[in-house]
Structures are given as structure tokens and as C-alpha cells.
Amino acid sequence: MAKTSKNILDEARSAIKSIDIDEARRMLEKPGTVLIDVRESDEWRQGHIPQAVAIPRGFLELRIEEKVPDHKAPVILQCASGTRSLLAARTLRELGYENVYNLTGGFNAWKDRGLPWIADRAFTPEELNRYSRHFVIPEVGEKGQAKLLDSRVLILGTGALGSPSSLYLAAAGVGTIGLVDFDVVDSSNLQRQIVHTTDRVGMPKTESAQKQINALNPGIKVIRHDVRLSSDNVMEIIKDYDVVVNCGDNFPTRYLINDACVLAKKPLVDGAIFRFEGNATVFYPAAGGPCYRCLYPEPAPPDMAPSCAEAGVLGALPGIIGSIEALEAIKLLLGAGKPLIGRMVYFDTLSNDYVRILKIRKNPECPVCSDHPTQTTLIDYEAFCGLAAPATDGAGDAQHAAAAGR
């Protein structure tokens, strides 16, 4: 005889212990107890219990072990009224979870009691569709996407590295992107600077990049800084941004933005390219990592830092390095995974060792980021490096990373 829905629910009630709100609250005060909300995403957006972890019922079997790897951990299941969560609890029992409970009355009862609940960001229908592939990634989800939309990233340089970095950050939904550049688009840029187009030759690079960014994602706010960074303006420019991405190509600017980010305690994503070689890393002393000065205490002689015009760069290479920079910025904003703090990913695309990971050690005697810094203010970086700082392409010290790895 076929079972009815009543039969199935009765069997679940006999197998699963149901608890009331007071008991659930007592359990949640103890470390290790997990509250799983099995409602659909649209229900979750309208409001949920602060401690709850969202796993829609249809994804429970696929995602539960990511959230609760310990099968002995106390798990409370909750839906709107207690019926779907009862069936979900029975499923967890069948998967081997030993301490499974169903919250009687669910979220509705919790809310009716006047207990704390929160509502997440209300996404527009266009955003729900645009970022749908992010929503299904556990490390991003709706909470992470909301965080990206509220984030602010500053990109120094809208050239070879700034092109893919800015476009991928915009595509990912980073809500505010600042662009620093004082150059104009030249036809020689177009071999590698994909954010610009032929019809924009002669246009300020920040304006050209803004057009491309907003063509890709109209919801992104772009702030243009058509200036050359200096010790006089850098702290004011970076102060409102969460992450700084260095896509410039000269030593004075590299030392300047490094020292400014150390003083402001901001993470600095850094990249460099040179012919067929490139590297990317994250300098973040506030999180225990090294800074650029730890890697390069002194600037290289000017003749060791040729520009792209002098040394050349393969057009596709910035796409790799700039994309990694965007990825590292997104990881920092989400708090997901392990950023490249204290590590550098190095590409030598003509070598058998195509990719290497180099360790960067924090210098205990670093004049800027050590426990007892000897330089606590910004300096004249062009004088420090003995050269001017005109361009924004991303070349300049990738060859030094190669030397560091040998």
C-alpha cells in the first residue's frame, strides 16, 4: 500500500525530536550547535534568524557536509512553520547525522515571539539574474554578493593590468571602482590594454575605462581620479577604499602606494609584467604579511627598469596577471580562502616551470612595516628612486621576481 503524506510525516515525527523556541535558544548558546534554514532563497531574503545558515531544501544533501562536517554536531533544522524542516531532519538522520532536531513553528513562530531576525539586501530582478552564478557558490552566495556590491576598490593604472582587473571587478559586482590615471589612450596601448578601443584614442584613460566598465555593468559606480599620485594626495584618495590594486609600472609609484597602504592599514594587491614574465601578490602587513619594502628594500637602478616601450610585453600576459589581481581583491573582500599574503605567484610563460609560488618573508628590520619603523611618513619617492613616474602599464619589476625565485 502506497504511503500518504500523512504517513510520511508521522514516521518523521516518531524519528525526529522536535524542540520549541526556548530549547533551541538554549542549545544555540552552546558552541558547536548549528541552525540550518531550509527555506527557499526568496524566503530567506525576506528575513531569517541571525545565527541561521541557509541551505535550501533542494540542496541539503549536496551542501550539508560543507557547513557541518561533524556528523555528531547538534543540528537544528528550521523552515517557515516546521513541516519542511521535519522532512529535512529525517534526511540528515539517514545521512548519518546523530543529533538532529526540528524547530517547532519555524521562523514564523520565532518572528511572532518578537525575537531578533534580520533581512538581507533586497536584490533587484536584474541583479538576481546577473549574479546568479555567484549565488550558488557557497563561499559567495547572496551574503557575499551583497558584500561585493557594498565594497569599494581603487585601481591604480588603467593600462595593461588595470584593463582586466577593472573589467572583472566590475563584472563581479564590486559596487564602487576608483580609477587613478592621468594618461590618454594611444594606439600603441591597444595591443594589450583591452579596456580601451580604437575610437577612444586621445581620450583620458579613466574616461575610456569608465565607458567600458559601465557598458559591461551599468550598476557600478566609477570614481575617476585624473591625477598623478603623490605624497600630497595619496592618503586622501585611498582613505575610502577597502582594497587597493596596483596596476602601475614604475618604482616611485610602487613605493608610494606601498607605504601609504601600510600607514592606512589597507591591503594592497600588486602585479607586474615583463615580456613573457609576470607576478602577483598581496602586501598586507596589518594581517601579518610583508610589504613591498620587505621584498625590495631599495629601488633598482633606472637602467634595470625599462618601460613597456623599451622592453615590450606580450599582449595576452596582462590578462593572466590582471585577472589574478582581480581574483585576489575579490577574495579579500569576501574573506574567502587564503589570499596571496606572503606568497607570490610567478609566471615564466617560456619556461618548463610555467608557474611557481614564491615565498615572501616579512623583514623584521623593514623601515615601514616592522614593529619599530624608522619611516613613519611619506617621502619624495621620485627622489628616492632617482627617476620620474609617468606611466601606468604594470611593467617594471617582474624581472626582479624572477631573480628572487632563482
Protein backbone atom coordinates (compact mmCIF):
# COMPACT_ATOMS: atom_id res chain seq x y z
CA MET A 1 0.00 0.00 0.00
CA ALA A 2 1.40 3.39 -1.02
CA LYS A 3 2.26 5.79 1.77
CA THR A 4 0.39 9.06 2.09
CA SER A 5 1.98 12.35 3.03
CA LYS A 6 0.43 11.92 6.49
CA ASN A 7 2.15 8.55 6.87
CA ILE A 8 5.50 10.07 5.91
CA LEU A 9 5.11 12.98 8.35
CA ASP A 10 4.02 10.67 11.17
CA GLU A 11 7.11 8.50 10.60
CA ALA A 12 9.32 11.58 10.62
CA ARG A 13 7.77 12.83 13.87
CA SER A 14 8.45 9.49 15.52
CA ALA A 15 12.08 9.53 14.40
CA ILE A 16 13.00 13.19 14.94
CA LYS A 17 12.84 15.13 18.17
CA SER A 18 11.02 18.46 17.86
CA ILE A 19 12.08 21.29 20.14
CA ASP A 20 10.42 24.58 20.98
CA ILE A 21 11.99 28.00 20.59
CA ASP A 22 13.19 28.23 24.20
CA GLU A 23 15.05 24.95 23.98
CA ALA A 24 16.51 25.91 20.60
CA ARG A 25 17.83 29.18 22.05
CA ARG A 26 19.47 27.33 24.93
CA MET A 27 21.12 24.92 22.50
CA LEU A 28 22.37 27.74 20.27
CA GLU A 29 24.15 29.29 23.24
CA LYS A 30 26.40 26.24 23.36
CA PRO A 31 29.40 26.09 20.98
CA GLY A 32 29.04 23.66 18.10
CA THR A 33 25.25 23.80 17.63
CA VAL A 34 24.26 24.65 14.05
CA LEU A 35 20.91 26.09 12.91
CA ILE A 36 20.07 25.26 9.30
CA ASP A 37 17.32 27.22 7.49
CA VAL A 38 15.97 25.04 4.68
CA ARG A 39 13.59 27.61 3.18
CA GLU A 40 13.97 28.86 -0.39
CA SER A 41 16.20 31.82 -1.23
CA ASP A 42 13.32 34.27 -1.68
CA GLU A 43 12.00 33.41 1.79
CA TRP A 44 15.46 33.81 3.32
CA ARG A 45 15.84 37.28 1.79
CA GLN A 46 12.64 38.44 3.44
CA GLY A 47 14.02 37.63 6.88
CA HIS A 48 15.90 34.99 8.84
CA ILE A 49 17.27 34.15 12.28
CA PRO A 50 20.73 35.76 12.73
CA GLN A 51 22.52 32.52 13.67
CA ALA A 52 20.99 30.50 10.82
CA VAL A 53 22.89 29.02 7.89
CA ALA A 54 20.93 28.97 4.62
CA ILE A 55 20.75 25.67 2.72
CA PRO A 56 17.59 25.40 0.60
CA ARG A 57 15.87 22.03 0.98
CA GLY A 58 16.68 21.02 -2.58
CA PHE A 59 20.44 21.45 -1.94
CA LEU A 60 20.58 19.96 1.56
CA GLU A 61 22.17 16.63 0.65
CA LEU A 62 24.75 18.35 -1.57
CA ARG A 63 25.84 21.11 0.82
CA ILE A 64 25.32 19.94 4.38
CA GLU A 65 28.78 18.44 4.80
CA GLU A 66 30.39 21.70 3.69
CA LYS A 67 28.62 23.50 6.54
CA VAL A 68 28.51 20.69 9.11
CA PRO A 69 31.33 18.19 8.55
CA ASP A 70 30.96 16.72 12.05
CA HIS A 71 28.12 14.16 11.97
CA LYS A 72 27.90 14.28 15.78
CA ALA A 73 27.33 18.04 15.99
CA PRO A 74 23.87 19.14 17.20
CA VAL A 75 21.92 20.34 14.15
CA ILE A 76 18.60 22.19 14.38
CA LEU A 77 16.54 22.29 11.19
CA GLN A 78 14.16 25.19 10.61
CA CYS A 79 11.74 26.25 7.86
CA ALA A 80 8.75 28.61 7.87
CA SER A 81 6.43 26.52 10.07
CA GLY A 82 8.24 23.24 10.84
CA THR A 83 7.00 20.82 8.19
CA ARG A 84 9.71 21.00 5.52
CA SER A 85 12.40 21.08 8.20
CA LEU A 86 10.93 17.92 9.75
CA LEU A 87 11.40 16.05 6.49
CA ALA A 88 14.85 17.61 6.05
CA ALA A 89 15.82 16.43 9.55
CA ARG A 90 14.83 12.88 8.65
CA THR A 91 17.06 13.12 5.58
CA LEU A 92 20.00 14.20 7.74
CA ARG A 93 19.39 11.26 10.04
CA GLU A 94 19.55 8.97 7.01
CA LEU A 95 22.86 10.64 6.05
CA GLY A 96 24.33 9.66 9.40
CA TYR A 97 23.85 12.81 11.48
CA GLU A 98 23.24 11.67 15.05
CA ASN A 99 21.89 14.75 16.84
CA VAL A 100 19.20 16.24 14.63
CA TYR A 101 16.30 18.37 15.87
CA ASN A 102 13.32 20.11 14.28
CA LEU A 103 12.28 23.60 15.38
CA THR A 104 8.54 23.59 16.09
CA GLY A 105 6.79 26.53 14.44
CA GLY A 106 9.87 27.51 12.46
CA PHE A 107 10.71 31.07 11.51
CA ASN A 108 7.10 32.21 11.77
CA ALA A 109 6.91 31.25 15.45
CA TRP A 110 10.31 32.85 16.09
CA LYS A 111 9.18 36.10 14.50
CA ASP A 112 5.80 36.04 16.29
CA ARG A 113 7.65 35.84 19.62
CA GLY A 114 9.34 39.14 18.81
CA LEU A 115 12.80 37.56 18.79
CA PRO A 116 15.64 39.10 16.72
CA TRP A 117 15.65 38.48 12.97
CA ILE A 118 17.35 40.18 10.05
CA ALA A 119 16.64 40.73 6.38
CA ASP A 120 19.38 40.64 3.79
CA ARG A 121 19.91 43.03 0.93
CA ALA A 122 16.94 43.16 -1.42
CA PHE A 123 18.35 42.37 -4.86
CA THR A 124 16.63 43.73 -7.94
CA PRO A 125 15.36 41.21 -10.51
CA GLU A 126 18.22 42.27 -12.81
CA GLU A 127 20.79 41.62 -10.04
CA LEU A 128 19.27 38.24 -9.24
CA ASN A 129 19.81 37.22 -12.85
CA ARG A 130 23.20 38.92 -13.36
CA TYR A 131 24.85 37.41 -10.28
CA SER A 132 23.00 34.07 -10.31
CA ARG A 133 26.24 32.10 -10.82
CA HIS A 134 27.70 33.74 -7.71
CA PHE A 135 24.65 32.94 -5.61
CA VAL A 136 25.17 29.19 -5.97
CA ILE A 137 28.82 29.32 -4.83
CA PRO A 138 28.87 28.57 -1.08
CA GLU A 139 31.81 30.95 -0.47
CA VAL A 140 29.93 33.81 -2.13
CA GLY A 141 26.16 33.34 -2.04
CA GLU A 142 23.77 36.21 -1.57
CA LYS A 143 25.56 37.43 1.54
CA GLY A 144 28.89 37.61 -0.28
CA GLN A 145 27.36 39.27 -3.33
CA ALA A 146 25.79 41.90 -1.12
CA LYS A 147 29.22 42.47 0.41
CA LEU A 148 30.77 42.93 -3.05
CA LEU A 149 28.08 45.40 -4.07
CA ASP A 150 28.83 47.44 -0.95
CA SER A 151 32.61 47.30 -1.49
CA ARG A 152 35.00 49.91 -2.86
CA VAL A 153 38.19 49.06 -4.77
CA LEU A 154 40.80 51.52 -6.02
CA ILE A 155 42.71 50.57 -9.18
CA LEU A 156 45.98 52.39 -9.76
CA GLY A 157 46.54 52.45 -13.51
CA THR A 158 44.07 51.73 -16.32
CA GLY A 159 46.62 50.19 -18.68
CA ALA A 160 47.58 46.59 -19.36
CA LEU A 161 46.94 45.22 -15.86
CA GLY A 162 44.21 47.69 -14.99
CA SER A 163 42.19 46.61 -18.02
CA PRO A 164 41.35 43.01 -16.97
CA SER A 165 41.36 43.92 -13.28
CA SER A 166 38.77 46.65 -13.69
CA LEU A 167 36.56 44.65 -16.04
CA TYR A 168 36.48 41.52 -13.87
CA LEU A 169 35.86 43.50 -10.69
CA ALA A 170 33.01 45.30 -12.43
CA ALA A 171 31.60 42.04 -13.79
CA ALA A 172 31.75 40.54 -10.28
CA GLY A 173 29.65 43.39 -8.94
CA VAL A 174 32.15 45.38 -6.88
CA GLY A 175 29.89 48.35 -6.30
CA THR A 176 32.39 51.21 -6.45
CA ILE A 177 35.57 51.20 -8.51
CA GLY A 178 38.05 54.07 -8.34
CA LEU A 179 40.41 54.62 -11.26
CA VAL A 180 43.70 56.53 -10.95
CA ASP A 181 45.42 57.60 -14.15
CA PHE A 182 46.48 60.83 -15.81
CA ASP A 183 47.37 59.44 -19.25
CA VAL A 184 45.39 59.37 -22.50
CA VAL A 185 44.70 56.41 -24.79
CA ASP A 186 47.32 55.87 -27.50
CA SER A 187 47.05 53.44 -30.40
CA SER A 188 50.18 51.64 -29.14
CA ASN A 189 48.21 50.73 -25.98
CA LEU A 190 45.61 48.67 -27.80
CA GLN A 191 47.84 45.62 -28.26
CA ARG A 192 47.30 44.80 -24.57
CA GLN A 193 45.02 47.37 -22.88
CA ILE A 194 41.67 45.78 -23.65
CA VAL A 195 39.56 48.24 -21.68
CA HIS A 196 40.23 50.83 -24.41
CA THR A 197 39.13 50.91 -28.06
CA THR A 198 40.36 52.46 -31.28
CA ASP A 199 37.69 55.16 -31.33
CA ARG A 200 38.88 56.40 -27.93
CA VAL A 201 42.45 57.21 -28.91
CA GLY A 202 43.26 60.58 -27.37
CA MET A 203 40.60 60.20 -24.64
CA PRO A 204 41.66 60.23 -20.96
CA LYS A 205 42.19 56.64 -19.91
CA THR A 206 39.93 56.91 -16.89
CA GLU A 207 37.09 58.17 -19.09
CA SER A 208 37.64 55.39 -21.62
CA ALA A 209 37.75 52.76 -18.87
CA GLN A 210 34.63 54.16 -17.25
CA LYS A 211 32.73 53.82 -20.53
CA GLN A 212 33.77 50.19 -20.89
CA ILE A 213 33.06 49.32 -17.26
CA ASN A 214 29.58 50.79 -17.36
CA ALA A 215 28.87 49.19 -20.74
CA LEU A 216 29.62 45.86 -19.05
CA ASN A 217 27.81 46.63 -15.79
CA PRO A 218 25.74 49.83 -15.61
CA GLY A 219 25.18 49.34 -11.88
CA ILE A 220 28.82 50.01 -10.98
CA LYS A 221 29.79 53.44 -9.68
CA VAL A 222 33.08 54.62 -11.18
CA ILE A 223 35.09 57.37 -9.50
CA ARG A 224 37.75 58.93 -11.70
CA HIS A 225 40.97 60.31 -10.21
CA ASP A 226 42.67 62.04 -13.16
CA VAL A 227 45.80 62.81 -11.18
CA ARG A 228 49.31 61.62 -10.64
CA LEU A 229 49.57 60.07 -7.19
CA SER A 230 51.93 61.88 -4.86
CA SER A 231 52.74 62.06 -1.20
CA ASP A 232 50.43 65.06 -1.02
CA ASN A 233 47.26 63.39 -2.31
CA VAL A 234 47.58 59.62 -1.89
CA MET A 235 46.23 59.32 1.67
CA GLU A 236 43.14 61.35 0.82
CA ILE A 237 42.50 59.28 -2.31
CA ILE A 238 42.85 55.82 -0.74
CA LYS A 239 41.09 56.52 2.56
CA ASP A 240 37.57 55.48 1.49
CA TYR A 241 38.53 52.28 -0.36
CA ASP A 242 38.55 48.75 1.07
CA VAL A 243 41.26 47.30 -1.20
CA VAL A 244 43.89 48.95 -3.40
CA VAL A 245 45.00 47.20 -6.61
CA ASN A 246 48.33 48.36 -8.02
CA CYS A 247 48.44 48.10 -11.81
CA GLY A 248 51.14 50.74 -12.30
CA ASP A 249 54.56 50.20 -13.80
CA ASN A 250 57.10 52.43 -12.11
CA PHE A 251 59.07 52.28 -8.92
CA PRO A 252 58.24 55.67 -7.37
CA THR A 253 54.53 54.86 -7.50
CA ARG A 254 55.07 51.33 -6.21
CA TYR A 255 56.95 52.55 -3.16
CA LEU A 256 54.47 55.38 -2.64
CA ILE A 257 51.34 53.21 -2.74
CA ASN A 258 53.01 50.54 -0.61
CA ASP A 259 53.96 52.96 2.13
CA ALA A 260 50.57 54.68 2.00
CA CYS A 261 48.72 51.37 2.32
CA VAL A 262 50.93 50.33 5.24
CA LEU A 263 50.18 53.59 7.03
CA ALA A 264 46.45 53.28 6.25
CA LYS A 265 46.41 49.55 7.16
CA LYS A 266 44.85 48.65 3.82
CA PRO A 267 45.51 45.52 1.72
CA LEU A 268 47.47 46.14 -1.47
CA VAL A 269 47.12 43.72 -4.38
CA ASP A 270 50.19 44.05 -6.57
CA GLY A 271 51.06 42.81 -10.05
CA ALA A 272 53.90 43.22 -12.53
CA ILE A 273 54.67 42.12 -16.09
CA PHE A 274 57.79 42.00 -18.27
CA ARG A 275 57.91 40.47 -21.75
CA PHE A 276 56.80 36.86 -21.10
CA GLU A 277 57.03 37.04 -17.29
CA GLY A 278 54.61 38.26 -14.65
CA ASN A 279 53.77 38.02 -10.97
CA ALA A 280 51.05 38.87 -8.50
CA THR A 281 50.91 39.03 -4.71
CA VAL A 282 49.16 40.73 -1.78
CA PHE A 283 51.02 43.07 0.56
CA TYR A 284 49.13 43.34 3.86
CA PRO A 285 51.25 43.94 6.98
CA ALA A 286 48.13 44.61 9.07
CA ALA A 287 47.27 40.92 8.55
CA GLY A 288 50.79 39.78 9.42
CA GLY A 289 52.25 39.72 5.91
CA PRO A 290 55.19 41.54 4.34
CA CYS A 291 55.11 44.75 2.34
CA TYR A 292 56.78 45.74 -0.93
CA ARG A 293 59.72 47.17 1.04
CA CYS A 294 60.33 43.75 2.60
CA LEU A 295 60.79 42.34 -0.91
CA TYR A 296 62.63 45.29 -2.45
CA PRO A 297 64.23 47.42 0.33
CA GLU A 298 65.92 49.67 -2.24
CA PRO A 299 64.79 50.73 -5.72
CA ALA A 300 66.56 49.24 -8.69
CA PRO A 301 68.84 51.43 -10.81
CA PRO A 302 66.85 53.19 -13.57
CA ASP A 303 68.51 51.13 -16.32
CA MET A 304 67.14 47.93 -14.73
CA ALA A 305 63.53 49.07 -15.02
CA PRO A 306 62.77 49.52 -18.73
CA SER A 307 59.28 50.60 -19.74
CA CYS A 308 56.98 48.53 -21.94
CA ALA A 309 58.03 50.68 -24.89
CA GLU A 310 61.67 49.76 -24.23
CA ALA A 311 61.33 46.12 -23.19
CA GLY A 312 58.00 45.04 -24.64
CA VAL A 313 55.30 42.83 -23.17
CA LEU A 314 53.30 40.02 -24.72
CA GLY A 315 49.75 41.28 -25.18
CA ALA A 316 48.00 38.28 -23.59
CA LEU A 317 50.18 38.18 -20.45
CA PRO A 318 48.45 41.08 -18.64
CA GLY A 319 45.19 39.18 -18.98
CA ILE A 320 46.60 36.48 -16.70
CA ILE A 321 48.18 38.74 -14.10
CA GLY A 322 45.41 41.34 -14.08
CA SER A 323 42.78 38.63 -13.65
CA ILE A 324 44.70 37.21 -10.69
CA GLU A 325 44.79 40.69 -9.16
CA ALA A 326 41.01 40.95 -9.53
CA LEU A 327 40.59 37.48 -8.03
CA GLU A 328 42.76 38.34 -5.01
CA ALA A 329 40.83 41.56 -4.44
CA ILE A 330 37.54 39.64 -4.51
CA LYS A 331 38.89 37.05 -2.04
CA LEU A 332 39.93 39.83 0.32
CA LEU A 333 36.52 41.50 0.09
CA LEU A 334 34.68 38.23 0.72
CA GLY A 335 37.08 36.92 3.35
CA ALA A 336 37.20 33.71 1.31
CA GLY A 337 40.12 31.30 1.00
CA LYS A 338 43.74 32.26 1.53
CA PRO A 339 44.91 35.44 -0.21
CA LEU A 340 48.44 35.61 -1.60
CA ILE A 341 49.77 37.23 1.58
CA GLY A 342 53.42 36.28 1.97
CA ARG A 343 53.32 34.41 -1.33
CA MET A 344 53.83 35.46 -4.94
CA VAL A 345 52.51 33.61 -7.96
CA TYR A 346 55.16 33.92 -10.67
CA PHE A 347 54.69 33.11 -14.36
CA ASP A 348 57.52 32.44 -16.78
CA THR A 349 55.49 31.52 -19.84
CA LEU A 350 58.51 30.45 -21.92
CA SER A 351 59.82 28.07 -19.26
CA ASN A 352 59.00 24.49 -18.33
CA ASP A 353 58.27 25.87 -14.85
CA TYR A 354 55.34 27.85 -16.20
CA VAL A 355 54.02 28.75 -12.74
CA ARG A 356 55.82 28.94 -9.42
CA ILE A 357 54.79 30.08 -5.96
CA LEU A 358 57.49 32.12 -4.24
CA LYS A 359 57.53 32.83 -0.51
CA ILE A 360 57.98 36.43 0.59
CA ARG A 361 59.23 36.82 4.13
CA LYS A 362 58.44 39.76 6.35
CA ASN A 363 61.58 41.77 7.08
CA PRO A 364 61.85 42.39 10.84
CA GLU A 365 64.01 45.42 10.05
CA CYS A 366 61.67 46.87 7.39
CA PRO A 367 61.74 50.66 7.70
CA VAL A 368 57.99 50.88 7.04
CA CYS A 369 56.11 47.80 8.31
CA SER A 370 58.31 46.42 11.12
CA ASP A 371 57.40 46.68 14.78
CA HIS A 372 59.74 49.65 15.09
CA PRO A 373 59.60 51.50 11.75
CA THR A 374 62.13 54.19 11.02
CA GLN A 375 59.95 55.82 8.34
CA THR A 376 56.53 56.86 9.60
CA THR A 377 55.65 59.48 7.00
CA LEU A 378 55.58 59.62 3.22
CA ILE A 379 58.66 60.92 1.39
CA ASP A 380 59.66 62.22 -2.05
CA TYR A 381 59.56 58.94 -3.96
CA GLU A 382 60.86 60.22 -7.26
CA ALA A 383 63.96 61.45 -5.47
CA PHE A 384 64.14 58.15 -3.57
CA CYS A 385 64.10 56.19 -6.83
CA GLY A 386 66.07 58.65 -8.91
CA LEU A 387 63.60 58.69 -11.80
CA ALA A 388 60.25 60.11 -12.87
CA ALA A 389 56.94 58.26 -12.69
CA PRO A 390 55.00 58.72 -15.91
CA ALA A 391 53.30 55.50 -16.99
CA THR A 392 50.64 53.02 -15.85
CA ASP A 393 51.10 49.71 -17.63
CA GLY A 394 52.24 47.20 -14.99
CA ALA A 395 55.79 46.54 -16.17
CA GLY A 396 58.90 47.38 -14.25
CA ASP A 397 59.84 44.74 -11.68
CA ALA A 398 58.64 41.36 -12.87
CA GLN A 399 62.24 40.57 -13.73
CA HIS A 400 63.12 41.15 -10.06
CA ALA A 401 60.63 38.48 -9.05
CA ALA A 402 62.39 36.13 -11.44
CA ALA A 403 65.67 36.89 -9.71
CA ALA A 404 64.07 36.30 -6.32
CA GLY A 405 62.97 32.85 -7.42
CA ARG A 406 66.38 31.76 -8.67
